[in-house]
Amino acid sequence: MIGEKVTHEIFGEGVISSVDTDKNLVSVVFGKRTLCFPYPDSFRGYLTAVDLDLQKSLQEESKNQ
């Protein structure tokens, strides 16, 4: 998943730089800014993976938690 492109309605396009499943966080680089979001719940709201298969998988993972 690292390196996958995502979009955010405020910050625009970004790239996943890390995923910490122990802390349930995903880090995304938007230009020169890196932001952390709840993982995988952020993919049911503010983050959308450009790869639609990945997006669907992440939404399912979020529902199962």
N, C-alpha and C. Protein backbone atom coordinates (compact mmCIF):
# COMPACT_ATOMS: atom_id res chain seq x y z
N MET A 1 0.82 -1.19 0.00
CA MET A 1 0.00 0.00 0.00
C MET A 1 0.87 1.26 0.00
N ILE A 2 2.08 1.18 0.52
CA ILE A 2 2.97 2.34 0.50
C ILE A 2 3.25 2.71 -0.95
N GLY A 3 3.14 4.00 -1.23
CA GLY A 3 3.34 4.48 -2.60
C GLY A 3 2.03 4.64 -3.36
N GLU A 4 0.92 4.16 -2.80
CA GLU A 4 -0.38 4.29 -3.47
C GLU A 4 -0.85 5.74 -3.39
N LYS A 5 -1.50 6.19 -4.46
CA LYS A 5 -2.03 7.54 -4.51
C LYS A 5 -3.41 7.58 -3.86
N VAL A 6 -3.65 8.69 -3.15
CA VAL A 6 -4.94 8.93 -2.51
C VAL A 6 -5.37 10.37 -2.77
N THR A 7 -6.63 10.64 -2.51
CA THR A 7 -7.12 12.02 -2.59
C THR A 7 -7.82 12.37 -1.27
N HIS A 8 -7.77 13.65 -0.96
CA HIS A 8 -8.40 14.20 0.23
C HIS A 8 -9.11 15.47 -0.23
N GLU A 9 -10.33 15.70 0.21
CA GLU A 9 -11.09 16.84 -0.32
C GLU A 9 -10.49 18.20 0.00
N ILE A 10 -9.72 18.30 1.05
CA ILE A 10 -9.09 19.58 1.40
C ILE A 10 -7.64 19.64 0.93
N PHE A 11 -6.87 18.57 1.17
CA PHE A 11 -5.44 18.58 0.87
C PHE A 11 -5.10 18.12 -0.54
N GLY A 12 -6.06 17.59 -1.27
CA GLY A 12 -5.85 17.18 -2.66
C GLY A 12 -5.21 15.81 -2.78
N GLU A 13 -4.32 15.66 -3.78
CA GLU A 13 -3.69 14.38 -4.05
C GLU A 13 -2.48 14.17 -3.16
N GLY A 14 -2.33 12.92 -2.71
CA GLY A 14 -1.20 12.57 -1.87
C GLY A 14 -0.76 11.15 -2.14
N VAL A 15 0.31 10.74 -1.45
CA VAL A 15 0.87 9.40 -1.60
C VAL A 15 1.07 8.82 -0.21
N ILE A 16 0.64 7.58 -0.01
CA ILE A 16 0.82 6.91 1.27
C ILE A 16 2.31 6.66 1.49
N SER A 17 2.82 7.14 2.64
CA SER A 17 4.24 6.98 2.93
C SER A 17 4.50 5.90 3.98
N SER A 18 3.51 5.63 4.85
CA SER A 18 3.68 4.56 5.84
C SER A 18 2.33 4.17 6.40
N VAL A 19 2.30 2.94 6.92
CA VAL A 19 1.11 2.43 7.60
C VAL A 19 1.59 1.78 8.90
N ASP A 20 1.03 2.22 10.02
CA ASP A 20 1.37 1.65 11.33
C ASP A 20 0.12 0.96 11.86
N THR A 21 0.04 -0.35 11.66
CA THR A 21 -1.15 -1.08 12.10
C THR A 21 -1.21 -1.23 13.62
N ASP A 22 -0.07 -1.11 14.31
CA ASP A 22 -0.08 -1.15 15.77
C ASP A 22 -0.77 0.08 16.36
N LYS A 23 -0.53 1.22 15.74
CA LYS A 23 -1.13 2.47 16.21
C LYS A 23 -2.36 2.86 15.40
N ASN A 24 -2.69 2.06 14.39
CA ASN A 24 -3.83 2.33 13.51
C ASN A 24 -3.73 3.70 12.85
N LEU A 25 -2.56 3.97 12.23
CA LEU A 25 -2.33 5.24 11.55
C LEU A 25 -1.77 5.01 10.16
N VAL A 26 -2.19 5.86 9.23
CA VAL A 26 -1.62 5.89 7.89
C VAL A 26 -1.07 7.30 7.68
N SER A 27 0.15 7.40 7.16
CA SER A 27 0.77 8.69 6.86
C SER A 27 0.69 8.94 5.37
N VAL A 28 0.31 10.17 5.02
CA VAL A 28 0.16 10.54 3.62
C VAL A 28 0.93 11.83 3.37
N VAL A 29 1.70 11.85 2.29
CA VAL A 29 2.45 13.05 1.90
C VAL A 29 1.64 13.83 0.89
N PHE A 30 1.36 15.08 1.23
CA PHE A 30 0.68 16.03 0.34
C PHE A 30 1.68 17.14 0.05
N GLY A 31 2.35 17.06 -1.09
CA GLY A 31 3.39 18.04 -1.39
C GLY A 31 4.52 17.95 -0.39
N LYS A 32 4.74 19.02 0.38
CA LYS A 32 5.80 19.04 1.39
C LYS A 32 5.29 18.71 2.79
N ARG A 33 4.00 18.42 2.90
CA ARG A 33 3.37 18.17 4.20
C ARG A 33 3.00 16.70 4.34
N THR A 34 3.35 16.11 5.49
CA THR A 34 2.95 14.74 5.79
C THR A 34 1.93 14.77 6.92
N LEU A 35 0.80 14.12 6.69
CA LEU A 35 -0.27 14.08 7.68
C LEU A 35 -0.60 12.64 8.03
N CYS A 36 -1.02 12.41 9.27
CA CYS A 36 -1.43 11.08 9.73
C CYS A 36 -2.94 11.05 9.90
N PHE A 37 -3.51 9.90 9.55
CA PHE A 37 -4.95 9.70 9.64
C PHE A 37 -5.22 8.34 10.28
N PRO A 38 -6.40 8.18 10.89
CA PRO A 38 -6.76 6.88 11.45
C PRO A 38 -6.84 5.82 10.35
N TYR A 39 -6.26 4.65 10.62
CA TYR A 39 -6.27 3.56 9.65
C TYR A 39 -7.09 2.41 10.19
N PRO A 40 -7.97 1.84 9.42
CA PRO A 40 -8.36 2.14 8.05
C PRO A 40 -9.57 3.06 7.95
N ASP A 41 -10.06 3.56 9.12
CA ASP A 41 -11.31 4.33 9.13
C ASP A 41 -11.31 5.56 8.24
N SER A 42 -10.17 6.18 8.03
CA SER A 42 -10.12 7.38 7.20
C SER A 42 -10.54 7.10 5.76
N PHE A 43 -10.48 5.82 5.34
CA PHE A 43 -10.87 5.47 3.98
C PHE A 43 -12.39 5.31 3.84
N ARG A 44 -13.11 5.52 4.92
CA ARG A 44 -14.57 5.55 4.87
C ARG A 44 -15.06 7.00 4.91
N GLY A 45 -14.15 7.95 4.87
CA GLY A 45 -14.54 9.34 4.99
C GLY A 45 -13.68 10.26 4.18
N TYR A 46 -12.55 10.69 4.75
CA TYR A 46 -11.80 11.77 4.13
C TYR A 46 -10.75 11.35 3.12
N LEU A 47 -10.29 10.10 3.14
CA LEU A 47 -9.30 9.64 2.16
C LEU A 47 -9.95 8.68 1.17
N THR A 48 -9.55 8.81 -0.09
CA THR A 48 -10.00 7.89 -1.13
C THR A 48 -8.79 7.41 -1.91
N ALA A 49 -8.62 6.10 -1.97
CA ALA A 49 -7.53 5.54 -2.77
C ALA A 49 -7.87 5.69 -4.24
N VAL A 50 -6.90 6.10 -5.05
CA VAL A 50 -7.12 6.23 -6.50
C VAL A 50 -7.41 4.86 -7.10
N ASP A 51 -6.73 3.82 -6.60
CA ASP A 51 -6.98 2.44 -7.04
C ASP A 51 -8.30 1.99 -6.41
N LEU A 52 -9.34 1.84 -7.22
CA LEU A 52 -10.67 1.55 -6.71
C LEU A 52 -10.76 0.19 -6.02
N ASP A 53 -9.97 -0.79 -6.47
CA ASP A 53 -9.95 -2.09 -5.79
C ASP A 53 -9.38 -1.95 -4.38
N LEU A 54 -8.33 -1.16 -4.24
CA LEU A 54 -7.74 -0.91 -2.93
C LEU A 54 -8.74 -0.17 -2.05
N GLN A 55 -9.42 0.82 -2.59
CA GLN A 55 -10.41 1.59 -1.82
C GLN A 55 -11.49 0.67 -1.29
N LYS A 56 -11.99 -0.20 -2.13
CA LYS A 56 -13.04 -1.13 -1.71
C LYS A 56 -12.54 -2.05 -0.60
N SER A 57 -11.32 -2.55 -0.74
CA SER A 57 -10.72 -3.42 0.26
C SER A 57 -10.56 -2.71 1.60
N LEU A 58 -10.12 -1.46 1.56
CA LEU A 58 -9.91 -0.69 2.79
C LEU A 58 -11.24 -0.37 3.47
N GLN A 59 -12.27 -0.10 2.69
CA GLN A 59 -13.59 0.16 3.28
C GLN A 59 -14.12 -1.10 3.95
N GLU A 60 -13.92 -2.25 3.34
CA GLU A 60 -14.34 -3.51 3.94
C GLU A 60 -13.57 -3.78 5.23
N GLU A 61 -12.28 -3.52 5.21
CA GLU A 61 -11.45 -3.71 6.40
C GLU A 61 -11.93 -2.83 7.54
N SER A 62 -12.31 -1.61 7.21
CA SER A 62 -12.80 -0.67 8.23
C SER A 62 -14.12 -1.15 8.83
N LYS A 63 -14.98 -1.70 8.00
CA LYS A 63 -16.29 -2.20 8.50
C LYS A 63 -16.12 -3.37 9.44
N ASN A 64 -15.07 -4.18 9.22
CA ASN A 64 -14.86 -5.39 10.00
C ASN A 64 -14.14 -5.16 11.32
N GLN A 65 -13.77 -3.93 11.61
CA GLN A 65 -13.06 -3.65 12.87
C GLN A 65 -14.02 -3.37 13.98
